[in-house]
C-alpha cells in the first residue's frame, strides 16, 4: 500500500492534503472537524495585526454551469476578523490535541519590517506553529491597503518580506504567490532569494465573477454595489498547473518545494499537481462545496492509483511529468493523430460534425445508415485537433489515434517548412 505521508520544508503530515488558508480554517471548531475527517494539515486563515479587519456581509459569488455545478468561486472576504489573541490561543489548543497534523499559520502585514517580524514572532512564540505562510497574494481589499498582492506583484518586496520573516523566527517559511503577475518566475525567484523554504501557489485570481442584471452591479452585491474579488475553484486549475510546472522546470527555482493550490477537487487533480512538481496540495473550494469529508475520496483515490501505478511514496511521483513539459518549439512537428469514431458507442447527436463543419476542418462526413446517421472521419482532412473528442458527450466514443510513421522527431527550428530556419539548425 502506498505511503501517503508528506514532508514539505521539514513540515510533516500523514497525507499531502491540506486545507488552504480560507474560511474553512478560520477557527478551532472548523479545523478540528477537518482533522477528524482526515485532512493531513491546515493553513490557518490569515492573521493580521490588531485591531482585526471588518468583513462585509455578502461575500461570495459563483460561476455555475447549466447543471448548477460549481465551476468557479469568487470571494471578497478579507483576512481573519477575529482578535489575534483568540486565534493564537485556539492554534495552541488544536495543535496540542492533534500533534501529528501540520499546523501552518498564514500571516499578512503592511510593508514594514517590524510589522511582519513582530507578527511572525507572536505566532512562533505559541510553540504550536509548524511553519508560516506569508500571504502575498490576496487580490482584493487588503491589496488596496498596500498588502497582499500589492506586495506579491513586486519581486523586490517579495524578497524583502521573506527575508524579514526568516530573520525574525526559526520556523519554515512558505511564501504564497499571486497569479496576478505577468511572469510567475519573477516572484518565485525573489522568494527563493529571500530565503523561502517553500512556496505555495496559486492564490486567487483577480476577477468579477458575474453581474446582477437587475441590480446592475457585480456579484456578490453589497447594498447595490459590487467589487472585484478572488477567483478560485476548478476553473483556475489550468492556470495553477502551468505556474507550478514553470517553477519546477526553471533552473533558478528547480528543487524549491511547492505546495500546489488551485481547483483541486479530486484525487486526480492532486496527482496532476504532484506530477508537475508539487510536494503537497492545498484545497479550499472543494471543501466549501462538498464539505470536509471529500478528503476521504482524495486519500483513497490517490492511494489506490499509486498502488496500481507502482508508486510507493509521494517522492516517487512528485515531478515525474516535469521532463515532458517543453516549449512549443520543442514539440515534434512530425507527430500526427486522427480521430476515430466508434459507431457502436455513437448516439447520433451530431455534435462532432457540427463543430468540425462550422469551426474546424470539415473532416467528419455524414452518411445514411440503417435508421440512423453514420459519422465518418475523412482522414485526408483531419488534422488531429481533438475538438470532436472534447465535445462528444459519450466517453471513448471518439478517440485520437497516433499515426504510425517512420518520420524522425523534428522540432520547428529544424523543420523544412520553417521560413526562418537557418542551415546550421538543420544540420
Protein backbone atom coordinates (compact mmCIF):
# COMPACT_ATOMS: atom_id res chain seq x y z
CA UNK A 1 0.00 0.00 0.00
CA UNK A 2 1.33 3.44 -0.98
CA UNK A 3 2.78 5.62 1.75
CA UNK A 4 0.99 8.99 1.58
CA UNK A 5 2.98 10.65 4.36
CA UNK A 6 4.25 14.02 3.28
CA UNK A 7 7.09 16.37 4.19
CA UNK A 8 7.49 19.88 2.79
CA UNK A 9 10.10 22.28 4.11
CA UNK A 10 10.52 19.96 7.10
CA UNK A 11 6.80 20.06 7.92
CA UNK A 12 5.36 16.56 8.23
CA UNK A 13 1.77 15.43 7.76
CA UNK A 14 0.14 11.99 7.43
CA UNK A 15 -1.05 12.78 3.90
CA UNK A 16 -0.45 15.55 1.35
CA UNK A 17 -3.92 17.08 1.61
CA UNK A 18 -4.02 20.37 3.50
CA UNK A 19 -6.83 22.86 3.82
CA UNK A 20 -5.76 26.21 2.41
CA UNK A 21 -5.90 29.45 4.35
CA UNK A 22 -9.53 30.46 3.92
CA UNK A 23 -12.89 30.40 5.74
CA UNK A 24 -12.66 26.62 6.42
CA UNK A 25 -9.59 27.25 8.61
CA UNK A 26 -10.88 30.32 10.43
CA UNK A 27 -11.36 28.80 13.87
CA UNK A 28 -10.68 25.78 16.06
CA UNK A 29 -14.16 24.32 15.55
CA UNK A 30 -13.66 24.06 11.80
CA UNK A 31 -10.09 22.81 11.98
CA UNK A 32 -10.92 20.07 14.49
CA UNK A 33 -13.76 18.87 12.25
CA UNK A 34 -11.33 18.85 9.34
CA UNK A 35 -8.76 16.80 11.23
CA UNK A 36 -11.43 14.33 12.30
CA UNK A 37 -12.38 13.94 8.64
CA UNK A 38 -8.78 13.05 7.77
CA UNK A 39 -7.06 16.19 6.46
CA UNK A 40 -3.30 15.99 6.86
CA UNK A 41 -2.82 19.63 7.72
CA UNK A 42 -4.22 23.14 7.59
CA UNK A 43 -3.01 26.61 6.85
CA UNK A 44 -4.80 28.71 9.46
CA UNK A 45 -6.76 31.61 7.98
CA UNK A 46 -4.53 34.64 7.53
CA UNK A 47 -3.78 36.56 10.71
CA UNK A 48 -3.07 40.27 10.82
CA UNK A 49 -2.25 42.85 13.42
CA UNK A 50 -4.90 44.02 15.85
CA UNK A 51 -7.39 45.53 15.60
CA UNK A 52 -8.80 42.85 13.28
CA UNK A 53 -10.29 43.73 9.91
CA UNK A 54 -14.03 44.11 9.41
CA UNK A 55 -15.71 41.98 6.75
CA UNK A 56 -18.86 42.84 4.81
CA UNK A 57 -21.93 40.61 4.95
CA UNK A 58 -22.34 39.49 1.33
CA UNK A 59 -19.03 37.79 0.48
CA UNK A 60 -19.26 35.05 -2.13
CA UNK A 61 -20.13 34.81 -5.80
CA UNK A 62 -20.23 31.75 -8.03
CA UNK A 63 -19.73 30.72 -11.63
CA UNK A 64 -22.08 27.79 -12.23
CA UNK A 65 -22.59 25.57 -15.27
CA UNK A 66 -26.04 24.76 -16.64
CA UNK A 67 -26.44 21.97 -14.08
CA UNK A 68 -25.56 24.40 -11.25
CA UNK A 69 -22.26 22.72 -10.60
CA UNK A 70 -19.56 25.00 -9.25
CA UNK A 71 -17.07 25.93 -11.98
CA UNK A 72 -15.57 28.89 -10.18
CA UNK A 73 -15.93 30.61 -6.85
CA UNK A 74 -15.42 34.28 -6.09
CA UNK A 75 -14.97 35.87 -2.71
CA UNK A 76 -14.45 39.35 -1.30
CA UNK A 77 -13.77 38.17 2.24
CA UNK A 78 -10.69 39.61 3.92
CA UNK A 79 -8.28 38.04 6.40
CA UNK A 80 -9.39 36.84 9.85
CA UNK A 81 -11.79 39.25 11.53
CA UNK A 82 -11.24 37.71 14.98
CA UNK A 83 -8.81 39.09 17.58
CA UNK A 84 -5.25 37.89 17.18
CA UNK A 85 -5.06 36.58 20.75
CA UNK A 86 -8.14 34.42 20.24
CA UNK A 87 -6.70 32.87 17.09
CA UNK A 88 -3.34 32.18 18.73
CA UNK A 89 -4.93 30.50 21.74
CA UNK A 90 -7.03 28.25 19.52
CA UNK A 91 -3.98 27.33 17.44
CA UNK A 92 -2.23 26.22 20.64
CA UNK A 93 -5.21 24.11 21.70
CA UNK A 94 -5.70 22.43 18.33
CA UNK A 95 -2.03 21.57 17.89
CA UNK A 96 -1.93 20.16 21.43
CA UNK A 97 -4.77 17.78 20.59
CA UNK A 98 -3.62 16.94 17.04
CA UNK A 99 0.19 16.84 17.21
CA UNK A 100 0.58 14.65 14.10
CA UNK A 101 -1.18 17.13 11.79
CA UNK A 102 0.56 20.01 10.05
CA UNK A 103 -0.28 23.38 11.58
CA UNK A 104 0.88 26.20 9.32
CA UNK A 105 -0.22 29.74 10.11
CA UNK A 106 -0.82 32.34 7.42
CA UNK A 107 0.02 35.96 8.12
CA UNK A 108 -0.15 39.33 6.42
CA UNK A 109 1.12 42.77 7.35
CA UNK A 110 1.91 46.16 5.90
CA UNK A 111 5.24 46.64 4.18
CA UNK A 112 7.21 47.44 7.32
CA UNK A 113 9.83 45.14 8.82
CA UNK A 114 8.62 45.28 12.40
CA UNK A 115 5.02 44.66 11.33
CA UNK A 116 5.99 41.37 9.65
CA UNK A 117 8.67 40.40 12.17
CA UNK A 118 6.52 41.22 15.19
CA UNK A 119 3.55 39.25 13.92
CA UNK A 120 5.75 36.30 12.98
CA UNK A 121 7.34 36.30 16.45
CA UNK A 122 3.94 36.30 18.18
CA UNK A 123 2.90 33.26 16.17
CA UNK A 124 6.21 31.48 16.75
CA UNK A 125 6.00 32.11 20.50
CA UNK A 126 2.91 29.90 20.71
CA UNK A 127 5.13 26.89 20.06
CA UNK A 128 2.22 25.45 18.08
CA UNK A 129 3.05 26.52 14.54
CA UNK A 130 4.94 24.06 12.37
CA UNK A 131 5.56 26.80 9.84
CA UNK A 132 4.43 30.16 8.50
CA UNK A 133 2.81 31.01 5.19
CA UNK A 134 3.28 34.59 4.00
CA UNK A 135 0.12 35.76 2.26
CA UNK A 136 1.45 37.86 -0.61
CA UNK A 137 -1.40 37.10 -2.96
CA UNK A 138 -4.80 38.34 -1.77
CA UNK A 139 -6.12 40.39 -4.74
CA UNK A 140 -8.94 42.29 -3.06
CA UNK A 141 -9.46 44.56 -0.10
CA UNK A 142 -6.11 44.05 1.56
CA UNK A 143 -4.15 44.92 -1.58
CA UNK A 144 -5.98 48.25 -1.61
CA UNK A 145 -4.32 48.83 1.78
CA UNK A 146 -0.87 48.04 0.43
CA UNK A 147 -0.84 44.40 1.48
CA UNK A 148 -1.46 41.02 -0.19
CA UNK A 149 -0.93 41.12 -3.94
CA UNK A 150 0.24 44.73 -3.72
CA UNK A 151 3.40 43.19 -2.23
CA UNK A 152 3.32 39.93 -4.16
CA UNK A 153 3.35 41.69 -7.55
CA UNK A 154 6.66 43.40 -6.77
CA UNK A 155 9.55 40.89 -6.71
CA UNK A 156 11.77 43.18 -4.64
CA UNK A 157 9.09 43.35 -1.95
CA UNK A 158 8.60 39.57 -2.05
CA UNK A 159 12.29 39.06 -1.41
CA UNK A 160 12.38 41.72 1.30
CA UNK A 161 9.37 40.44 3.25
CA UNK A 162 10.60 36.86 3.05
CA UNK A 163 13.97 37.89 4.44
CA UNK A 164 12.38 39.93 7.24
CA UNK A 165 10.40 36.92 8.45
CA UNK A 166 13.27 34.44 8.03
CA UNK A 167 15.47 36.70 10.13
CA UNK A 168 12.80 37.07 12.81
CA UNK A 169 11.86 33.45 13.54
CA UNK A 170 13.29 29.96 13.39
CA UNK A 171 10.37 28.36 11.56
CA UNK A 172 9.93 27.07 8.00
CA UNK A 173 8.62 29.88 5.82
CA UNK A 174 6.30 29.21 2.86
CA UNK A 175 5.66 32.17 0.55
CA UNK A 176 2.23 32.21 -1.08
CA UNK A 177 2.42 33.72 -4.56
CA UNK A 178 -0.14 35.68 -6.54
CA UNK A 179 -1.06 34.60 -10.08
CA UNK A 180 -1.90 38.21 -10.89
CA UNK A 181 1.50 38.88 -12.40
CA UNK A 182 3.00 38.72 -15.88
CA UNK A 183 5.62 36.08 -15.07
CA UNK A 184 5.31 33.86 -12.00
CA UNK A 185 9.05 33.16 -12.08
CA UNK A 186 9.85 36.72 -11.04
CA UNK A 187 8.18 36.33 -7.65
CA UNK A 188 9.20 32.68 -7.22
CA UNK A 189 12.85 33.54 -7.76
CA UNK A 190 12.51 36.52 -5.41
CA UNK A 191 11.05 34.32 -2.67
CA UNK A 192 13.96 31.92 -3.05
CA UNK A 193 16.49 34.75 -2.85
CA UNK A 194 14.79 35.91 0.34
CA UNK A 195 15.34 32.50 1.91
CA UNK A 196 11.93 30.87 1.45
CA UNK A 197 11.85 27.22 2.50
CA UNK A 198 8.96 26.59 0.11
CA UNK A 199 6.37 28.42 -1.94
CA UNK A 200 2.64 27.88 -2.35
CA UNK A 201 0.53 28.83 -5.35
CA UNK A 202 -1.72 29.95 -6.69
CA UNK A 203 -3.59 32.47 -4.62
CA UNK A 204 -6.88 33.64 -6.10
CA UNK A 205 -7.23 35.30 -9.50
CA UNK A 206 -8.48 38.89 -9.56
CA UNK A 207 -11.96 38.81 -11.04
CA UNK A 208 -15.55 39.90 -11.36
CA UNK A 209 -17.43 36.61 -11.48
CA UNK A 210 -20.80 37.88 -12.71
CA UNK A 211 -23.10 40.88 -12.98
CA UNK A 212 -26.55 41.02 -11.40
CA UNK A 213 -28.54 42.44 -14.30
CA UNK A 214 -31.36 43.59 -12.04
CA UNK A 215 -29.14 45.41 -9.57
CA UNK A 216 -26.70 46.31 -12.35
CA UNK A 217 -23.80 45.54 -10.04
CA UNK A 218 -21.09 42.86 -9.81
CA UNK A 219 -21.86 39.87 -7.61
CA UNK A 220 -21.77 39.45 -4.70
CA UNK A 221 -23.90 42.60 -4.36
CA UNK A 222 -23.35 44.68 -1.24
CA UNK A 223 -26.20 47.17 -0.86
CA UNK A 224 -26.36 47.85 -4.59
CA UNK A 225 -22.61 47.87 -5.18
CA UNK A 226 -20.01 45.23 -6.02
CA UNK A 227 -16.25 44.82 -6.14
CA UNK A 228 -13.58 42.70 -7.75
CA UNK A 229 -12.68 39.62 -5.76
CA UNK A 230 -10.58 36.47 -5.65
CA UNK A 231 -11.49 33.72 -8.14
CA UNK A 232 -10.78 30.07 -7.31
CA UNK A 233 -12.20 26.60 -7.90
CA UNK A 234 -11.96 24.16 -10.83
CA UNK A 235 -11.81 26.98 -13.40
CA UNK A 236 -8.40 28.17 -12.17
CA UNK A 237 -6.76 24.74 -12.11
CA UNK A 238 -5.19 25.09 -15.60
CA UNK A 239 -3.61 28.41 -14.59
CA UNK A 240 -2.23 26.89 -11.41
CA UNK A 241 -0.87 23.77 -13.12
CA UNK A 242 1.03 25.87 -15.64
CA UNK A 243 2.59 28.08 -12.97
CA UNK A 244 3.61 25.10 -10.85
CA UNK A 245 5.20 23.47 -13.89
CA UNK A 246 7.04 26.65 -14.87
CA UNK A 247 8.61 26.88 -11.43
CA UNK A 248 9.50 23.17 -11.40
CA UNK A 249 11.35 23.33 -14.72
CA UNK A 250 13.01 26.71 -14.26
CA UNK A 251 16.74 26.28 -13.45
CA UNK A 252 16.63 29.05 -10.83
CA UNK A 253 13.71 27.53 -8.87
CA UNK A 254 14.00 23.84 -9.67
CA UNK A 255 14.02 21.90 -6.41
CA UNK A 256 12.22 24.60 -4.42
CA UNK A 257 9.39 22.76 -2.61
CA UNK A 258 5.94 23.74 -3.89
CA UNK A 259 2.56 23.44 -2.20
CA UNK A 260 0.11 23.31 -5.09
CA UNK A 261 -3.18 25.19 -4.89
CA UNK A 262 -5.95 25.85 -7.40
CA UNK A 263 -9.17 24.00 -8.14
CA UNK A 264 -8.17 20.65 -6.61
CA UNK A 265 -11.41 18.69 -6.26
CA UNK A 266 -10.46 15.05 -6.82
CA UNK A 267 -7.52 12.74 -6.20
CA UNK A 268 -6.71 13.01 -9.90
CA UNK A 269 -6.36 16.78 -9.64
CA UNK A 270 -3.94 16.28 -6.76
CA UNK A 271 -1.96 13.68 -8.71
CA UNK A 272 -1.60 16.11 -11.61
CA UNK A 273 -0.18 18.81 -9.34
CA UNK A 274 2.21 16.32 -7.78
CA UNK A 275 3.31 15.04 -11.18
CA UNK A 276 4.14 18.60 -12.23
CA UNK A 277 6.41 19.15 -9.26
CA UNK A 278 4.23 19.93 -6.25
CA UNK A 279 5.27 18.40 -2.93
CA UNK A 280 1.78 18.55 -1.45
CA UNK A 281 -1.54 20.26 -2.20
CA UNK A 282 -3.94 22.66 -0.55
CA UNK A 283 -7.72 22.64 -1.00
CA UNK A 284 -10.39 25.24 -0.34
CA UNK A 285 -13.28 25.49 -2.82
CA UNK A 286 -13.93 21.74 -2.92
CA UNK A 287 -14.31 21.67 0.86
CA UNK A 288 -16.60 24.69 0.75
CA UNK A 289 -18.67 22.99 -1.95
CA UNK A 290 -18.86 19.41 -0.64
CA UNK A 291 -17.72 19.52 2.98
CA UNK A 292 -14.66 18.19 4.78
CA UNK A 293 -15.32 14.50 4.13
CA UNK A 294 -14.36 14.92 0.49
CA UNK A 295 -10.80 14.26 1.66
CA UNK A 296 -11.71 10.59 2.18
CA UNK A 297 -12.18 10.17 -1.58
CA UNK A 298 -8.99 12.10 -2.25
CA UNK A 299 -6.92 9.92 0.07
CA UNK A 300 -8.45 6.66 -1.09
CA UNK A 301 -8.31 7.53 -4.76
CA UNK A 302 -4.69 8.68 -4.70
CA UNK A 303 -3.59 5.67 -2.67
CA UNK A 304 -5.32 3.19 -4.98
CA UNK A 305 -3.97 4.85 -8.12
CA UNK A 306 -0.43 4.90 -6.75
CA UNK A 307 -0.71 1.20 -5.93
CA UNK A 308 -1.83 0.43 -9.48
CA UNK A 309 0.97 2.50 -10.98
CA UNK A 310 3.61 1.16 -8.61
CA UNK A 311 4.44 4.42 -6.82
CA UNK A 312 5.37 3.58 -3.25
CA UNK A 313 5.86 7.14 -1.96
CA UNK A 314 4.92 10.67 -2.93
CA UNK A 315 8.57 11.41 -3.69
CA UNK A 316 8.47 8.80 -6.45
CA UNK A 317 5.51 10.61 -8.02
CA UNK A 318 6.44 14.25 -7.46
CA UNK A 319 7.83 15.87 -10.60
CA UNK A 320 7.51 12.83 -12.88
CA UNK A 321 5.81 14.85 -15.63
CA UNK A 322 8.13 17.86 -15.49
CA UNK A 323 10.62 16.46 -18.01
CA UNK A 324 7.80 16.26 -20.57
CA UNK A 325 6.81 19.92 -20.21
CA UNK A 326 8.56 21.74 -23.05
CA UNK A 327 8.26 24.94 -25.04
CA UNK A 328 6.16 24.81 -28.20
CA UNK A 329 9.27 24.95 -30.39
CA UNK A 330 10.45 21.68 -28.84
CA UNK A 331 7.40 19.65 -29.91
CA UNK A 332 7.60 17.02 -32.65
CA UNK A 333 6.27 18.55 -35.86
CA UNK A 334 6.02 15.08 -37.46
CA UNK A 335 3.61 13.74 -34.86
CA UNK A 336 0.08 13.21 -36.18
CA UNK A 337 -3.18 11.85 -34.80
CA UNK A 338 -6.52 11.12 -36.45
CA UNK A 339 -9.96 10.97 -34.90
CA UNK A 340 -11.68 7.57 -34.85
CA UNK A 341 -15.42 7.31 -34.16
CA UNK A 342 -16.79 4.11 -32.62
CA UNK A 343 -20.20 3.55 -34.28
CA UNK A 344 -21.27 1.17 -31.51
CA UNK A 345 -21.00 3.99 -28.94
CA UNK A 346 -22.27 6.83 -31.12
CA UNK A 347 -25.68 8.22 -30.06
CA UNK A 348 -26.20 10.17 -33.31
CA UNK A 349 -26.18 13.59 -31.62
CA UNK A 350 -24.14 15.11 -34.43
CA UNK A 351 -22.13 17.45 -32.24
CA UNK A 352 -18.82 16.26 -33.66
CA UNK A 353 -19.95 17.03 -37.20
CA UNK A 354 -21.39 20.42 -36.29
CA UNK A 355 -18.26 21.73 -34.60
CA UNK A 356 -15.91 20.29 -37.20
CA UNK A 357 -18.01 21.64 -40.07
CA UNK A 358 -18.55 25.08 -38.56
CA UNK A 359 -15.31 25.79 -36.72
CA UNK A 360 -12.61 23.34 -37.77
CA UNK A 361 -11.57 21.39 -40.86
CA UNK A 362 -14.71 19.80 -42.35
CA UNK A 363 -13.27 16.37 -41.64
CA UNK A 364 -16.40 14.49 -40.47
CA UNK A 365 -18.82 13.18 -43.09
CA UNK A 366 -22.46 12.20 -42.52
CA UNK A 367 -23.63 9.04 -44.30
CA UNK A 368 -27.03 7.41 -44.29
CA UNK A 369 -27.21 4.25 -42.23
CA UNK A 370 -29.96 1.83 -41.35
CA UNK A 371 -32.39 4.06 -39.49
CA UNK A 372 -29.67 6.44 -38.29
CA UNK A 373 -26.86 8.67 -39.44
CA UNK A 374 -23.30 7.40 -39.59
CA UNK A 375 -20.44 9.79 -38.89
CA UNK A 376 -17.14 9.05 -40.59
CA UNK A 377 -13.81 10.83 -40.28
CA UNK A 378 -12.19 11.98 -43.52
CA UNK A 379 -8.55 11.23 -42.75
CA UNK A 380 -7.20 13.44 -45.51
CA UNK A 381 -8.85 16.49 -43.90
CA UNK A 382 -8.41 15.59 -40.23
CA UNK A 383 -5.56 17.49 -38.59
CA UNK A 384 -5.96 15.80 -35.20
CA UNK A 385 -7.07 18.96 -33.41
CA UNK A 386 -9.04 16.92 -30.79
CA UNK A 387 -12.10 19.21 -30.83
CA UNK A 388 -14.56 16.47 -31.77
CA UNK A 389 -13.37 14.21 -28.95
CA UNK A 390 -13.84 17.01 -26.42
CA UNK A 391 -17.41 17.92 -27.42
CA UNK A 392 -18.61 14.32 -27.75
CA UNK A 393 -20.86 13.55 -24.75
CA UNK A 394 -20.05 9.81 -24.78
CA UNK A 395 -16.77 8.74 -23.13
CA UNK A 396 -14.40 6.93 -25.52
CA UNK A 397 -16.75 7.24 -28.48
CA UNK A 398 -14.20 9.40 -30.28
CA UNK A 399 -10.54 8.61 -29.70
CA UNK A 400 -7.43 10.22 -31.13
CA UNK A 401 -5.15 7.56 -32.62
CA UNK A 402 -1.50 8.39 -33.41
CA UNK A 403 -0.42 7.64 -36.96
CA UNK A 404 2.44 5.20 -37.29
CA UNK A 405 5.22 6.74 -39.38
CA UNK A 406 8.96 6.38 -39.79
CA UNK A 407 9.48 10.14 -39.73
CA UNK A 408 12.09 11.48 -37.29
CA UNK A 409 11.44 13.78 -34.34
CA UNK A 410 11.68 17.26 -35.86
CA UNK A 411 11.21 20.49 -33.94
CA UNK A 412 10.08 23.74 -35.53
CA UNK A 413 13.54 25.36 -35.60
CA UNK A 414 14.73 22.38 -37.70
CA UNK A 415 11.56 21.93 -39.77
CA UNK A 416 11.99 22.43 -43.52
CA UNK A 417 8.66 24.28 -43.55
CA UNK A 418 10.02 26.97 -41.21
CA UNK A 419 10.83 30.07 -43.28
CA UNK A 420 13.15 31.29 -40.51
CA UNK A 421 15.15 28.07 -40.43
CA UNK A 422 18.88 28.57 -40.64
CA UNK A 423 21.12 25.95 -42.29
CA UNK A 424 23.12 25.39 -39.09
CA UNK A 425 19.96 24.48 -37.16
CA UNK A 426 19.00 21.92 -39.80
CA UNK A 427 22.28 20.00 -39.60
